[in-house]
Amino acid sequence: MGGLDGRGLTRWLLEEYGFAYRTLLDAEIRKGGLRGAFDVIVLPDNRMKTMLDGHAPRVVPPEYTGGFALQGALALKTFVEAGGTLVALDSATELPSSCSAWASATP
């Protein structure tokens, strides 16, 4: 599996075991209303700071820059509170396990 990052490995696993999925972009997370569209959201291995702040422009394609910010963290918290399942892999567990990040994610 050399060369696969967290997102690539997650995609490979979902495909390998026949799970239907689609990529959820930061802007969609920030928009909210996730429970109406998803039963499960998988956060691939990524640091909380990177998920919230995103990557710098020109490092990755524009749709992957900017992060989902505290607004997105609140949307994910609301998703879980509405009965959705959030699966966080490896370093991504930092977001839901960090009470300060979830507590500070207010509208």
C-alpha atoms as a PDB file:
ATOM      1  CA  MET A   1       0.000   0.000   0.000  1.00  0.00           C
ATOM      2  CA  GLY A   2       3.021   2.289  -0.342  1.00  0.00           C
ATOM      3  CA  GLY A   3       2.174   5.830  -1.381  1.00  0.00           C
ATOM      4  CA  LEU A   4      -1.450   5.912  -0.198  1.00  0.00           C
ATOM      5  CA  ASP A   5      -2.379   8.725   2.168  1.00  0.00           C
ATOM      6  CA  GLY A   6      -5.262   8.435   4.629  1.00  0.00           C
ATOM      7  CA  ARG A   7      -7.868   9.435   2.063  1.00  0.00           C
ATOM      8  CA  GLY A   8      -6.475   7.086  -0.585  1.00  0.00           C
ATOM      9  CA  LEU A   9      -6.332   4.146   1.796  1.00  0.00           C
ATOM     10  CA  THR A  10      -9.855   4.841   3.039  1.00  0.00           C
ATOM     11  CA  ARG A  11     -11.159   4.941  -0.552  1.00  0.00           C
ATOM     12  CA  TRP A  12      -9.336   1.715  -1.366  1.00  0.00           C
ATOM     13  CA  LEU A  13     -10.825  -0.068   1.666  1.00  0.00           C
ATOM     14  CA  LEU A  14     -14.359   1.094   0.874  1.00  0.00           C
ATOM     15  CA  GLU A  15     -14.007  -0.005  -2.753  1.00  0.00           C
ATOM     16  CA  GLU A  16     -12.339  -3.297  -1.844  1.00  0.00           C
ATOM     17  CA  TYR A  17     -15.253  -4.265   0.404  1.00  0.00           C
ATOM     18  CA  GLY A  18     -18.003  -2.953  -1.882  1.00  0.00           C
ATOM     19  CA  PHE A  19     -19.218   0.062   0.096  1.00  0.00           C
ATOM     20  CA  ALA A  20     -20.878   2.840  -1.862  1.00  0.00           C
ATOM     21  CA  TYR A  21     -19.363   6.199  -0.977  1.00  0.00           C
ATOM     22  CA  ARG A  22     -18.728   9.693  -2.220  1.00  0.00           C
ATOM     23  CA  THR A  23     -16.214  12.341  -1.270  1.00  0.00           C
ATOM     24  CA  LEU A  24     -17.570  15.020   1.032  1.00  0.00           C
ATOM     25  CA  LEU A  25     -15.864  18.385   0.509  1.00  0.00           C
ATOM     26  CA  ASP A  26     -15.134  20.923   3.239  1.00  0.00           C
ATOM     27  CA  ALA A  27     -17.679  23.390   1.812  1.00  0.00           C
ATOM     28  CA  GLU A  28     -20.418  20.740   2.054  1.00  0.00           C
ATOM     29  CA  ILE A  29     -19.513  20.053   5.682  1.00  0.00           C
ATOM     30  CA  ARG A  30     -19.575  23.784   6.513  1.00  0.00           C
ATOM     31  CA  LYS A  31     -23.012  24.078   4.873  1.00  0.00           C
ATOM     32  CA  GLY A  32     -24.497  21.597   7.367  1.00  0.00           C
ATOM     33  CA  GLY A  33     -27.667  19.552   6.960  1.00  0.00           C
ATOM     34  CA  LEU A  34     -25.536  16.424   6.796  1.00  0.00           C
ATOM     35  CA  ARG A  35     -27.956  14.019   8.466  1.00  0.00           C
ATOM     36  CA  GLY A  36     -30.483  14.412   5.669  1.00  0.00           C
ATOM     37  CA  ALA A  37     -27.906  13.224   3.146  1.00  0.00           C
ATOM     38  CA  PHE A  38     -25.707  10.757   5.061  1.00  0.00           C
ATOM     39  CA  ASP A  39     -25.997   7.904   7.535  1.00  0.00           C
ATOM     40  CA  VAL A  40     -22.238   7.606   8.059  1.00  0.00           C
ATOM     41  CA  ILE A  41     -19.360  10.028   7.589  1.00  0.00           C
ATOM     42  CA  VAL A  42     -15.791   8.708   7.639  1.00  0.00           C
ATOM     43  CA  LEU A  43     -13.001  11.095   8.554  1.00  0.00           C
ATOM     44  CA  PRO A  44      -9.763   9.672   7.098  1.00  0.00           C
ATOM     45  CA  ASP A  45      -6.469   9.960   8.978  1.00  0.00           C
ATOM     46  CA  ASN A  46      -5.818  13.693   9.267  1.00  0.00           C
ATOM     47  CA  ARG A  47      -4.813  16.070  12.068  1.00  0.00           C
ATOM     48  CA  MET A  48      -7.562  18.219  13.588  1.00  0.00           C
ATOM     49  CA  LYS A  49      -5.723  21.429  12.645  1.00  0.00           C
ATOM     50  CA  THR A  50      -5.574  20.334   9.006  1.00  0.00           C
ATOM     51  CA  MET A  51      -9.268  19.410   8.982  1.00  0.00           C
ATOM     52  CA  LEU A  52     -10.250  22.764  10.509  1.00  0.00           C
ATOM     53  CA  ASP A  53      -7.756  25.030   8.701  1.00  0.00           C
ATOM     54  CA  GLY A  54      -7.231  23.059   5.487  1.00  0.00           C
ATOM     55  CA  HIS A  55      -4.232  23.058   3.204  1.00  0.00           C
ATOM     56  CA  ALA A  56      -2.585  26.142   1.769  1.00  0.00           C
ATOM     57  CA  PRO A  57      -3.619  27.271  -1.727  1.00  0.00           C
ATOM     58  CA  ARG A  58      -1.561  25.774  -4.565  1.00  0.00           C
ATOM     59  CA  VAL A  59      -0.605  22.774  -2.374  1.00  0.00           C
ATOM     60  CA  VAL A  60      -3.782  20.868  -3.272  1.00  0.00           C
ATOM     61  CA  PRO A  61      -6.671  21.546  -5.697  1.00  0.00           C
ATOM     62  CA  PRO A  62      -8.843  24.548  -4.661  1.00  0.00           C
ATOM     63  CA  GLU A  63     -11.774  22.410  -3.504  1.00  0.00           C
ATOM     64  CA  TYR A  64      -9.468  20.881  -0.858  1.00  0.00           C
ATOM     65  CA  THR A  65      -8.163  24.163   0.603  1.00  0.00           C
ATOM     66  CA  GLY A  66      -9.551  26.111   3.530  1.00  0.00           C
ATOM     67  CA  GLY A  67     -10.689  23.292   5.805  1.00  0.00           C
ATOM     68  CA  PHE A  68     -14.168  22.966   7.272  1.00  0.00           C
ATOM     69  CA  ALA A  69     -13.460  25.345  10.176  1.00  0.00           C
ATOM     70  CA  LEU A  70     -15.386  25.485  13.436  1.00  0.00           C
ATOM     71  CA  GLN A  71     -18.591  25.856  11.419  1.00  0.00           C
ATOM     72  CA  GLY A  72     -17.927  22.393   9.949  1.00  0.00           C
ATOM     73  CA  ALA A  73     -17.044  20.954  13.355  1.00  0.00           C
ATOM     74  CA  LEU A  74     -20.437  22.149  14.592  1.00  0.00           C
ATOM     75  CA  ALA A  75     -22.122  20.590  11.547  1.00  0.00           C
ATOM     76  CA  LEU A  76     -20.446  17.247  12.308  1.00  0.00           C
ATOM     77  CA  LYS A  77     -21.458  17.478  15.957  1.00  0.00           C
ATOM     78  CA  THR A  78     -25.050  18.209  14.896  1.00  0.00           C
ATOM     79  CA  PHE A  79     -24.896  15.250  12.485  1.00  0.00           C
ATOM     80  CA  VAL A  80     -23.951  12.912  15.354  1.00  0.00           C
ATOM     81  CA  GLU A  81     -26.535  14.394  17.715  1.00  0.00           C
ATOM     82  CA  ALA A  82     -29.183  13.757  15.028  1.00  0.00           C
ATOM     83  CA  GLY A  83     -28.291  10.057  14.944  1.00  0.00           C
ATOM     84  CA  GLY A  84     -25.579   9.990  12.276  1.00  0.00           C
ATOM     85  CA  THR A  85     -22.487   7.832  12.696  1.00  0.00           C
ATOM     86  CA  LEU A  86     -19.094   9.521  12.571  1.00  0.00           C
ATOM     87  CA  VAL A  87     -16.132   7.196  12.004  1.00  0.00           C
ATOM     88  CA  ALA A  88     -12.789   8.885  12.671  1.00  0.00           C
ATOM     89  CA  LEU A  89      -9.642   7.025  11.647  1.00  0.00           C
ATOM     90  CA  ASP A  90      -6.267   7.328  13.376  1.00  0.00           C
ATOM     91  CA  SER A  91      -5.328  11.017  13.899  1.00  0.00           C
ATOM     92  CA  ALA A  92      -8.827  12.150  12.906  1.00  0.00           C
ATOM     93  CA  THR A  93     -10.038  10.905  16.306  1.00  0.00           C
ATOM     94  CA  GLU A  94      -8.520  14.101  17.700  1.00  0.00           C
ATOM     95  CA  LEU A  95     -11.546  16.109  16.494  1.00  0.00           C
ATOM     96  CA  PRO A  96     -14.428  14.256  18.181  1.00  0.00           C
ATOM     97  CA  SER A  97     -12.356  13.394  21.245  1.00  0.00           C
ATOM     98  CA  SER A  98     -11.307  17.010  21.787  1.00  0.00           C
ATOM     99  CA  CYS A  99     -14.064  18.449  23.931  1.00  0.00           C
ATOM    100  CA  SER A 100     -12.659  21.978  23.519  1.00  0.00           C
ATOM    101  CA  ALA A 101     -12.953  21.868  19.709  1.00  0.00           C
ATOM    102  CA  TRP A 102     -16.534  20.548  19.820  1.00  0.00           C
ATOM    103  CA  ALA A 103     -17.522  22.824  22.690  1.00  0.00           C
ATOM    104  CA  SER A 104     -16.119  25.898  20.903  1.00  0.00           C
ATOM    105  CA  ALA A 105     -17.965  24.984  17.702  1.00  0.00           C
ATOM    106  CA  THR A 106     -20.988  27.165  18.275  1.00  0.00           C
ATOM    107  CA  PRO A 107     -23.006  29.085  15.687  1.00  0.00           C
END
